[in-house]
Amino acid sequence: MSRRGVPEKIRSDNGTNFVGAHRELKEAASDLQRSFKLQNKLLMKNIKWEFNPPHASHMGGVWERPIRTVRNVMNILIKNQLIDDEKLETIFCEAESIVNNRPLTPISDDPDDLEPLTPNHLLLLRPSCNIPLTKTCKTDYYSKRWRHVQYIADHFWRRWIKEYLPSLQIRSKWLKITANIKVGDLVIIMDLPQPRHSWPLARVIEVFKGKDDLVRSVRLRTATSELVRPISKLCVLEGVKDDIKL
C-alpha cells in the first residue's frame, strides 16, 4: 500500500503467510472501525481478498510465471553469498524494475511508433527511464558495494532475459498451423545483445514466405536501421500475440 496505493482487490494462492495476513488485517480493520465508530466516512477502504483453490497454482498464471522466472534466477545469483539487507533490497528493486519494464503490447498502430506499453506505464502512470549507471565486469563482484549490486543486477538481466524471451514463443508452432507474423507487428529481436533495460524492438515492414505459404523471415525497421531476420529470432509481444486470429 505504501508503494502502490490502496488496492481494491488482492488475489493470491493459499500460502500460510497470505492466509495469516488476511486474517490479521481483517481483525485490525474491524478493531479500527469499532474504536473510531466510523459512520459516514471510512478511514480505511475495504479490500476484497480472493484465494485460489489449494494446489491450483496454474490459476495464478498471470503472476506465477514472472515470479517463477525471477525466483529461478535469484536462487542462482545470490545462493551462498553474504548479502546484507541493504544490498538485498537494492537487488530486488532492480529486479522489480527490469520485470516491470518489459514490453507488453504496442501503444499505437503508428508503424513509426516503437514505444510499447509496459507494466510501469500502469504502475507509475509514465514510462520508466532506467539507465544503468555504469558498465560492470566480473571484478566488480569484489569491488565497492554499489558496484557489486550493479554487477548482480546486470547478471540478473542476462539470465532473466534468457528465460523470459523463449516463453513468448509458442514452441508448438512447427507442429501445428498458427497465424503468420504480418506487416505492422511489433516484435522483440532476440539475437542482439543489449544492456540492462534495453529492449530491441522493431516493426515488421515486409514478410518473406516459403513454398508452403508460411512466413519464414521478415524485414524489420528499428529505430536506426532496417534488417532481415528469421522468425525464430523474433518474439511477438504478448498483447499482439493474444490478438492474433487464425
C-alpha atoms as a PDB file:
ATOM      1  CA  MET A   1       0.000   0.000   0.000  1.00  0.00           C
ATOM      2  CA  SER A   2       2.890   2.356   0.712  1.00  0.00           C
ATOM      3  CA  ARG A   3       4.324   1.785  -2.765  1.00  0.00           C
ATOM      4  CA  ARG A   4       1.229   1.343  -4.993  1.00  0.00           C
ATOM      5  CA  GLY A   5      -1.671   2.775  -3.022  1.00  0.00           C
ATOM      6  CA  VAL A   6      -4.746   1.033  -1.627  1.00  0.00           C
ATOM      7  CA  PRO A   7      -5.885  -1.847  -3.868  1.00  0.00           C
ATOM      8  CA  GLU A   8      -9.499  -2.768  -4.488  1.00  0.00           C
ATOM      9  CA  LYS A   9      -8.795  -6.486  -4.708  1.00  0.00           C
ATOM     10  CA  ILE A  10      -5.958  -8.808  -3.689  1.00  0.00           C
ATOM     11  CA  ARG A  11      -5.690 -12.231  -5.270  1.00  0.00           C
ATOM     12  CA  SER A  12      -3.225 -14.872  -4.133  1.00  0.00           C
ATOM     13  CA  ASP A  13      -2.651 -18.556  -3.521  1.00  0.00           C
ATOM     14  CA  ASN A  14      -3.285 -20.248  -0.180  1.00  0.00           C
ATOM     15  CA  GLY A  15       0.179 -19.777   1.280  1.00  0.00           C
ATOM     16  CA  THR A  16       0.121 -19.742   5.073  1.00  0.00           C
ATOM     17  CA  ASN A  17       1.715 -16.290   5.102  1.00  0.00           C
ATOM     18  CA  PHE A  18      -1.102 -14.900   2.925  1.00  0.00           C
ATOM     19  CA  VAL A  19      -3.904 -16.585   4.877  1.00  0.00           C
ATOM     20  CA  GLY A  20      -2.461 -15.360   8.178  1.00  0.00           C
ATOM     21  CA  ALA A  21      -2.011 -11.819   6.843  1.00  0.00           C
ATOM     22  CA  HIS A  22      -5.589 -11.820   5.566  1.00  0.00           C
ATOM     23  CA  ARG A  23      -6.924 -12.818   8.983  1.00  0.00           C
ATOM     24  CA  GLU A  24      -4.838 -10.275  10.904  1.00  0.00           C
ATOM     25  CA  LEU A  25      -5.627  -7.402   8.536  1.00  0.00           C
ATOM     26  CA  LYS A  26      -9.324  -8.211   8.701  1.00  0.00           C
ATOM     27  CA  GLU A  27      -9.230  -8.196  12.507  1.00  0.00           C
ATOM     28  CA  ALA A  28      -7.233  -4.954  12.548  1.00  0.00           C
ATOM     29  CA  ALA A  29      -9.729  -3.253  10.230  1.00  0.00           C
ATOM     30  CA  SER A  30     -12.606  -4.443  12.380  1.00  0.00           C
ATOM     31  CA  ASP A  31     -10.952  -3.114  15.558  1.00  0.00           C
ATOM     32  CA  LEU A  32     -10.256   0.213  13.886  1.00  0.00           C
ATOM     33  CA  GLN A  33     -13.857   0.651  12.856  1.00  0.00           C
ATOM     34  CA  ARG A  34     -15.118  -0.186  16.341  1.00  0.00           C
ATOM     35  CA  SER A  35     -12.620   2.153  18.014  1.00  0.00           C
ATOM     36  CA  PHE A  36     -13.451   5.240  15.930  1.00  0.00           C
ATOM     37  CA  LYS A  37     -17.132   4.377  15.359  1.00  0.00           C
ATOM     38  CA  LEU A  38     -16.845   5.150  11.678  1.00  0.00           C
ATOM     39  CA  GLN A  39     -20.241   6.102  10.317  1.00  0.00           C
ATOM     40  CA  ASN A  40     -20.366   8.397   7.294  1.00  0.00           C
ATOM     41  CA  LYS A  41     -16.756   8.209   6.133  1.00  0.00           C
ATOM     42  CA  LEU A  42     -14.425   5.252   6.403  1.00  0.00           C
ATOM     43  CA  LEU A  43     -10.798   5.868   7.218  1.00  0.00           C
ATOM     44  CA  MET A  44      -9.902   2.561   5.657  1.00  0.00           C
ATOM     45  CA  LYS A  45     -11.148   1.203   2.346  1.00  0.00           C
ATOM     46  CA  ASN A  46     -12.468  -2.333   2.381  1.00  0.00           C
ATOM     47  CA  ILE A  47     -10.221  -4.612   0.359  1.00  0.00           C
ATOM     48  CA  LYS A  48     -11.516  -7.821  -1.153  1.00  0.00           C
ATOM     49  CA  TRP A  49      -9.075 -10.712  -0.863  1.00  0.00           C
ATOM     50  CA  GLU A  50      -9.678 -13.749  -3.083  1.00  0.00           C
ATOM     51  CA  PHE A  51      -7.829 -17.038  -2.678  1.00  0.00           C
ATOM     52  CA  ASN A  52      -7.259 -19.553  -5.450  1.00  0.00           C
ATOM     53  CA  PRO A  53      -8.123 -23.176  -4.637  1.00  0.00           C
ATOM     54  CA  PRO A  54      -5.357 -25.111  -2.864  1.00  0.00           C
ATOM     55  CA  HIS A  55      -2.805 -26.810  -5.152  1.00  0.00           C
ATOM     56  CA  ALA A  56      -4.030 -24.778  -8.130  1.00  0.00           C
ATOM     57  CA  SER A  57      -1.056 -22.546  -8.850  1.00  0.00           C
ATOM     58  CA  HIS A  58      -1.936 -22.637 -12.578  1.00  0.00           C
ATOM     59  CA  MET A  59      -4.938 -20.391 -11.789  1.00  0.00           C
ATOM     60  CA  GLY A  60      -2.487 -17.642 -10.898  1.00  0.00           C
ATOM     61  CA  GLY A  61      -0.560 -17.949 -14.141  1.00  0.00           C
ATOM     62  CA  VAL A  62      -0.604 -14.204 -14.763  1.00  0.00           C
ATOM     63  CA  TRP A  63       1.658 -13.563 -11.782  1.00  0.00           C
ATOM     64  CA  GLU A  64       3.086 -17.038 -11.160  1.00  0.00           C
ATOM     65  CA  ARG A  65       5.104 -17.055 -14.396  1.00  0.00           C
ATOM     66  CA  PRO A  66       7.067 -13.854 -13.620  1.00  0.00           C
ATOM     67  CA  ILE A  67       7.532 -14.984 -10.009  1.00  0.00           C
ATOM     68  CA  ARG A  68       8.922 -18.335 -11.144  1.00  0.00           C
ATOM     69  CA  THR A  69      11.407 -16.849 -13.594  1.00  0.00           C
ATOM     70  CA  VAL A  70      12.604 -14.268 -11.050  1.00  0.00           C
ATOM     71  CA  ARG A  71      12.895 -16.897  -8.304  1.00  0.00           C
ATOM     72  CA  ASN A  72      14.866 -19.269 -10.526  1.00  0.00           C
ATOM     73  CA  VAL A  73      17.388 -16.581 -11.418  1.00  0.00           C
ATOM     74  CA  MET A  74      17.653 -15.217  -7.880  1.00  0.00           C
ATOM     75  CA  ASN A  75      18.312 -18.678  -6.460  1.00  0.00           C
ATOM     76  CA  ILE A  76      21.336 -18.934  -8.737  1.00  0.00           C
ATOM     77  CA  LEU A  77      22.649 -15.402  -8.261  1.00  0.00           C
ATOM     78  CA  ILE A  78      22.537 -14.969  -4.501  1.00  0.00           C
ATOM     79  CA  LYS A  79      22.906 -18.557  -3.328  1.00  0.00           C
ATOM     80  CA  ASN A  80      25.737 -18.978  -0.800  1.00  0.00           C
ATOM     81  CA  GLN A  81      26.534 -15.254  -0.892  1.00  0.00           C
ATOM     82  CA  LEU A  82      26.924 -12.934   2.056  1.00  0.00           C
ATOM     83  CA  ILE A  83      24.491 -10.144   1.198  1.00  0.00           C
ATOM     84  CA  ASP A  84      23.205  -7.752   3.828  1.00  0.00           C
ATOM     85  CA  ASP A  85      19.684  -6.348   3.948  1.00  0.00           C
ATOM     86  CA  GLU A  86      20.518  -3.127   2.116  1.00  0.00           C
ATOM     87  CA  LYS A  87      22.148  -4.940  -0.789  1.00  0.00           C
ATOM     88  CA  LEU A  88      19.299  -7.438  -0.993  1.00  0.00           C
ATOM     89  CA  GLU A  89      16.687  -4.674  -1.018  1.00  0.00           C
ATOM     90  CA  THR A  90      18.508  -2.849  -3.823  1.00  0.00           C
ATOM     91  CA  ILE A  91      18.881  -6.056  -5.851  1.00  0.00           C
ATOM     92  CA  PHE A  92      15.156  -6.781  -5.576  1.00  0.00           C
ATOM     93  CA  CYS A  93      14.308  -3.203  -6.554  1.00  0.00           C
ATOM     94  CA  GLU A  94      16.493  -3.556  -9.648  1.00  0.00           C
ATOM     95  CA  ALA A  95      14.852  -6.885 -10.490  1.00  0.00           C
ATOM     96  CA  GLU A  96      11.419  -5.349  -9.980  1.00  0.00           C
ATOM     97  CA  SER A  97      12.299  -2.515 -12.333  1.00  0.00           C
ATOM     98  CA  ILE A  98      13.542  -4.938 -15.003  1.00  0.00           C
ATOM     99  CA  VAL A  99      10.464  -7.158 -14.875  1.00  0.00           C
ATOM    100  CA  ASN A 100       8.007  -4.238 -14.831  1.00  0.00           C
ATOM    101  CA  ASN A 101       9.775  -2.564 -17.736  1.00  0.00           C
ATOM    102  CA  ARG A 102       9.151  -5.464 -20.123  1.00  0.00           C
ATOM    103  CA  PRO A 103       7.130  -4.569 -23.246  1.00  0.00           C
ATOM    104  CA  LEU A 104       3.570  -5.912 -23.314  1.00  0.00           C
ATOM    105  CA  THR A 105       1.830  -4.536 -26.383  1.00  0.00           C
ATOM    106  CA  PRO A 106       2.089  -1.581 -28.797  1.00  0.00           C
ATOM    107  CA  ILE A 107       0.675   1.710 -27.558  1.00  0.00           C
ATOM    108  CA  SER A 108      -0.494   2.822 -31.018  1.00  0.00           C
ATOM    109  CA  ASP A 109      -0.950   1.493 -34.547  1.00  0.00           C
ATOM    110  CA  ASP A 110       1.513   4.027 -35.936  1.00  0.00           C
ATOM    111  CA  PRO A 111       4.201   1.971 -37.768  1.00  0.00           C
ATOM    112  CA  ASP A 112       6.823   4.561 -36.799  1.00  0.00           C
ATOM    113  CA  ASP A 113       5.982   4.344 -33.097  1.00  0.00           C
ATOM    114  CA  LEU A 114       8.185   1.731 -31.419  1.00  0.00           C
ATOM    115  CA  GLU A 115       7.214   2.552 -27.830  1.00  0.00           C
ATOM    116  CA  PRO A 116       5.394  -0.352 -26.157  1.00  0.00           C
ATOM    117  CA  LEU A 117       3.070  -0.428 -23.178  1.00  0.00           C
ATOM    118  CA  THR A 118       4.844  -1.759 -20.081  1.00  0.00           C
ATOM    119  CA  PRO A 119       3.674  -2.605 -16.544  1.00  0.00           C
ATOM    120  CA  ASN A 120       5.475   0.546 -15.371  1.00  0.00           C
ATOM    121  CA  HIS A 121       3.125   2.656 -17.512  1.00  0.00           C
ATOM    122  CA  LEU A 122       0.255   1.304 -15.406  1.00  0.00           C
ATOM    123  CA  LEU A 123       2.076   1.395 -12.064  1.00  0.00           C
ATOM    124  CA  LEU A 124       3.810   4.772 -12.430  1.00  0.00           C
ATOM    125  CA  LEU A 125       1.428   6.383 -14.971  1.00  0.00           C
ATOM    126  CA  ARG A 126       4.503   7.214 -17.078  1.00  0.00           C
ATOM    127  CA  PRO A 127       7.258   5.336 -18.878  1.00  0.00           C
ATOM    128  CA  SER A 128      10.195   4.258 -16.774  1.00  0.00           C
ATOM    129  CA  CYS A 129      13.598   5.646 -17.721  1.00  0.00           C
ATOM    130  CA  ASN A 130      16.089   3.356 -16.043  1.00  0.00           C
ATOM    131  CA  ILE A 131      19.634   3.740 -17.317  1.00  0.00           C
ATOM    132  CA  PRO A 132      22.462   1.661 -15.795  1.00  0.00           C
ATOM    133  CA  LEU A 133      24.958   3.891 -14.034  1.00  0.00           C
ATOM    134  CA  THR A 134      27.989   2.157 -15.484  1.00  0.00           C
ATOM    135  CA  LYS A 135      29.165  -0.920 -17.308  1.00  0.00           C
ATOM    136  CA  THR A 136      30.137  -3.717 -14.972  1.00  0.00           C
ATOM    137  CA  CYS A 137      32.579  -6.608 -15.191  1.00  0.00           C
ATOM    138  CA  LYS A 138      33.461  -9.623 -13.085  1.00  0.00           C
ATOM    139  CA  THR A 139      35.988  -7.704 -10.999  1.00  0.00           C
ATOM    140  CA  ASP A 140      33.125  -5.524  -9.695  1.00  0.00           C
ATOM    141  CA  TYR A 141      31.957  -8.571  -7.746  1.00  0.00           C
ATOM    142  CA  TYR A 142      34.787  -7.848  -5.313  1.00  0.00           C
ATOM    143  CA  SER A 143      34.643  -4.071  -5.597  1.00  0.00           C
ATOM    144  CA  LYS A 144      32.603  -1.396  -3.816  1.00  0.00           C
ATOM    145  CA  ARG A 145      29.173  -2.324  -2.524  1.00  0.00           C
ATOM    146  CA  TRP A 146      27.202  -0.332  -5.097  1.00  0.00           C
ATOM    147  CA  ARG A 147      29.249  -1.744  -7.974  1.00  0.00           C
ATOM    148  CA  HIS A 148      28.736  -5.239  -6.562  1.00  0.00           C
ATOM    149  CA  VAL A 149      24.970  -4.709  -6.604  1.00  0.00           C
ATOM    150  CA  GLN A 150      25.070  -3.304 -10.149  1.00  0.00           C
ATOM    151  CA  TYR A 151      27.061  -6.349 -11.273  1.00  0.00           C
ATOM    152  CA  ILE A 152      24.413  -8.674  -9.787  1.00  0.00           C
ATOM    153  CA  ALA A 153      21.648  -6.620 -11.444  1.00  0.00           C
ATOM    154  CA  ASP A 154      23.362  -6.945 -14.831  1.00  0.00           C
ATOM    155  CA  HIS A 155      23.802 -10.659 -14.241  1.00  0.00           C
ATOM    156  CA  PHE A 156      20.113 -10.939 -13.328  1.00  0.00           C
ATOM    157  CA  TRP A 157      19.154  -9.147 -16.557  1.00  0.00           C
ATOM    158  CA  ARG A 158      21.189 -11.519 -18.737  1.00  0.00           C
ATOM    159  CA  ARG A 159      19.861 -14.657 -17.073  1.00  0.00           C
ATOM    160  CA  TRP A 160      16.249 -13.486 -16.777  1.00  0.00           C
ATOM    161  CA  ILE A 161      16.027 -12.388 -20.397  1.00  0.00           C
ATOM    162  CA  LYS A 162      17.125 -15.878 -21.478  1.00  0.00           C
ATOM    163  CA  GLU A 163      14.177 -17.360 -19.596  1.00  0.00           C
ATOM    164  CA  TYR A 164      11.597 -14.706 -20.423  1.00  0.00           C
ATOM    165  CA  LEU A 165      12.018 -14.322 -24.198  1.00  0.00           C
ATOM    166  CA  PRO A 166      11.604 -18.032 -25.032  1.00  0.00           C
ATOM    167  CA  SER A 167       8.366 -18.008 -23.026  1.00  0.00           C
ATOM    168  CA  LEU A 168       6.913 -15.591 -25.602  1.00  0.00           C
ATOM    169  CA  GLN A 169       7.437 -18.087 -28.396  1.00  0.00           C
ATOM    170  CA  ILE A 170       4.932 -20.865 -28.939  1.00  0.00           C
ATOM    171  CA  ARG A 171       7.102 -23.965 -29.227  1.00  0.00           C
ATOM    172  CA  SER A 172       4.326 -25.923 -30.935  1.00  0.00           C
ATOM    173  CA  LYS A 173       4.388 -23.578 -33.931  1.00  0.00           C
ATOM    174  CA  TRP A 174       6.275 -26.160 -36.001  1.00  0.00           C
ATOM    175  CA  LEU A 175       3.741 -28.882 -35.150  1.00  0.00           C
ATOM    176  CA  LYS A 176       0.509 -27.094 -35.992  1.00  0.00           C
ATOM    177  CA  ILE A 177      -0.522 -24.153 -38.106  1.00  0.00           C
ATOM    178  CA  THR A 178      -0.607 -20.802 -36.330  1.00  0.00           C
ATOM    179  CA  ALA A 179      -1.096 -17.251 -37.536  1.00  0.00           C
ATOM    180  CA  ASN A 180       1.748 -15.775 -39.558  1.00  0.00           C
ATOM    181  CA  ILE A 181       3.646 -12.707 -38.430  1.00  0.00           C
ATOM    182  CA  LYS A 182       2.286  -9.852 -40.508  1.00  0.00           C
ATOM    183  CA  VAL A 183       3.357  -6.415 -41.639  1.00  0.00           C
ATOM    184  CA  GLY A 184       2.941  -3.871 -38.855  1.00  0.00           C
ATOM    185  CA  ASP A 185       3.537  -6.264 -35.944  1.00  0.00           C
ATOM    186  CA  LEU A 186       5.803  -5.014 -33.164  1.00  0.00           C
ATOM    187  CA  VAL A 187       8.403  -7.632 -32.255  1.00  0.00           C
ATOM    188  CA  ILE A 188      11.408  -8.133 -29.985  1.00  0.00           C
ATOM    189  CA  ILE A 189      14.654  -9.148 -31.698  1.00  0.00           C
ATOM    190  CA  MET A 190      16.313 -11.955 -29.752  1.00  0.00           C
ATOM    191  CA  ASP A 191      19.765 -12.067 -31.329  1.00  0.00           C
ATOM    192  CA  LEU A 192      21.044  -8.614 -30.390  1.00  0.00           C
ATOM    193  CA  PRO A 193      22.981  -8.378 -27.094  1.00  0.00           C
ATOM    194  CA  GLN A 194      21.587  -5.452 -25.173  1.00  0.00           C
ATOM    195  CA  PRO A 195      22.476  -3.677 -21.932  1.00  0.00           C
ATOM    196  CA  ARG A 196      20.112  -3.700 -18.997  1.00  0.00           C
ATOM    197  CA  HIS A 197      16.652  -2.136 -19.599  1.00  0.00           C
ATOM    198  CA  SER A 198      17.216  -2.072 -23.363  1.00  0.00           C
ATOM    199  CA  TRP A 199      14.652  -3.900 -25.485  1.00  0.00           C
ATOM    200  CA  PRO A 200      15.484  -4.212 -29.226  1.00  0.00           C
ATOM    201  CA  LEU A 201      12.055  -3.528 -30.730  1.00  0.00           C
ATOM    202  CA  ALA A 202      11.244  -3.369 -34.416  1.00  0.00           C
ATOM    203  CA  ARG A 203       8.287  -3.122 -36.791  1.00  0.00           C
ATOM    204  CA  VAL A 204       7.696  -5.706 -39.495  1.00  0.00           C
ATOM    205  CA  ILE A 205       7.701  -3.926 -42.871  1.00  0.00           C
ATOM    206  CA  GLU A 206       7.899  -6.939 -45.215  1.00  0.00           C
ATOM    207  CA  VAL A 207       7.381 -10.701 -44.931  1.00  0.00           C
ATOM    208  CA  PHE A 208       9.031 -13.492 -46.915  1.00  0.00           C
ATOM    209  CA  LYS A 209       7.052 -16.708 -47.335  1.00  0.00           C
ATOM    210  CA  GLY A 210       8.229 -20.195 -48.204  1.00  0.00           C
ATOM    211  CA  LYS A 211       6.717 -22.632 -50.693  1.00  0.00           C
ATOM    212  CA  ASP A 212       4.194 -23.670 -48.039  1.00  0.00           C
ATOM    213  CA  ASP A 213       2.906 -20.052 -47.887  1.00  0.00           C
ATOM    214  CA  LEU A 214       4.172 -19.674 -44.316  1.00  0.00           C
ATOM    215  CA  VAL A 215       6.279 -16.723 -43.236  1.00  0.00           C
ATOM    216  CA  ARG A 216       9.883 -17.797 -42.664  1.00  0.00           C
ATOM    217  CA  SER A 217      11.676 -14.451 -42.405  1.00  0.00           C
ATOM    218  CA  VAL A 218      10.813 -10.750 -42.310  1.00  0.00           C
ATOM    219  CA  ARG A 219      12.300  -7.367 -42.949  1.00  0.00           C
ATOM    220  CA  LEU A 220      12.316  -5.121 -39.875  1.00  0.00           C
ATOM    221  CA  ARG A 221      12.610  -1.423 -39.215  1.00  0.00           C
ATOM    222  CA  THR A 222      14.325  -0.499 -35.987  1.00  0.00           C
ATOM    223  CA  ALA A 223      14.847   2.985 -34.598  1.00  0.00           C
ATOM    224  CA  THR A 224      18.114   3.288 -36.549  1.00  0.00           C
ATOM    225  CA  SER A 225      18.162   0.791 -39.416  1.00  0.00           C
ATOM    226  CA  GLU A 226      16.500  -1.966 -41.410  1.00  0.00           C
ATOM    227  CA  LEU A 227      17.427  -5.634 -41.177  1.00  0.00           C
ATOM    228  CA  VAL A 228      16.207  -9.115 -42.112  1.00  0.00           C
ATOM    229  CA  ARG A 229      15.709 -11.833 -39.501  1.00  0.00           C
ATOM    230  CA  PRO A 230      14.147 -15.338 -39.410  1.00  0.00           C
ATOM    231  CA  ILE A 231      11.001 -15.637 -37.335  1.00  0.00           C
ATOM    232  CA  SER A 232      12.843 -17.991 -34.947  1.00  0.00           C
ATOM    233  CA  LYS A 233      14.783 -14.929 -33.739  1.00  0.00           C
ATOM    234  CA  LEU A 234      11.664 -12.829 -33.137  1.00  0.00           C
ATOM    235  CA  CYS A 235       9.140 -12.644 -30.320  1.00  0.00           C
ATOM    236  CA  VAL A 236       5.766 -11.079 -30.969  1.00  0.00           C
ATOM    237  CA  LEU A 237       4.675  -9.010 -27.968  1.00  0.00           C
ATOM    238  CA  GLU A 238       2.240 -10.662 -25.581  1.00  0.00           C
ATOM    239  CA  GLY A 239      -0.649  -8.314 -26.362  1.00  0.00           C
ATOM    240  CA  VAL A 240      -0.130  -8.627 -30.123  1.00  0.00           C
ATOM    241  CA  LYS A 241       0.137 -12.403 -29.910  1.00  0.00           C
ATOM    242  CA  ASP A 242      -3.076 -12.643 -27.900  1.00  0.00           C
ATOM    243  CA  ASP A 243      -4.943 -10.614 -30.519  1.00  0.00           C
ATOM    244  CA  ILE A 244      -3.877 -12.821 -33.469  1.00  0.00           C
ATOM    245  CA  LYS A 245      -6.794 -14.620 -35.071  1.00  0.00           C
ATOM    246  CA  LEU A 246      -6.454 -17.636 -37.346  1.00  0.00           C
END
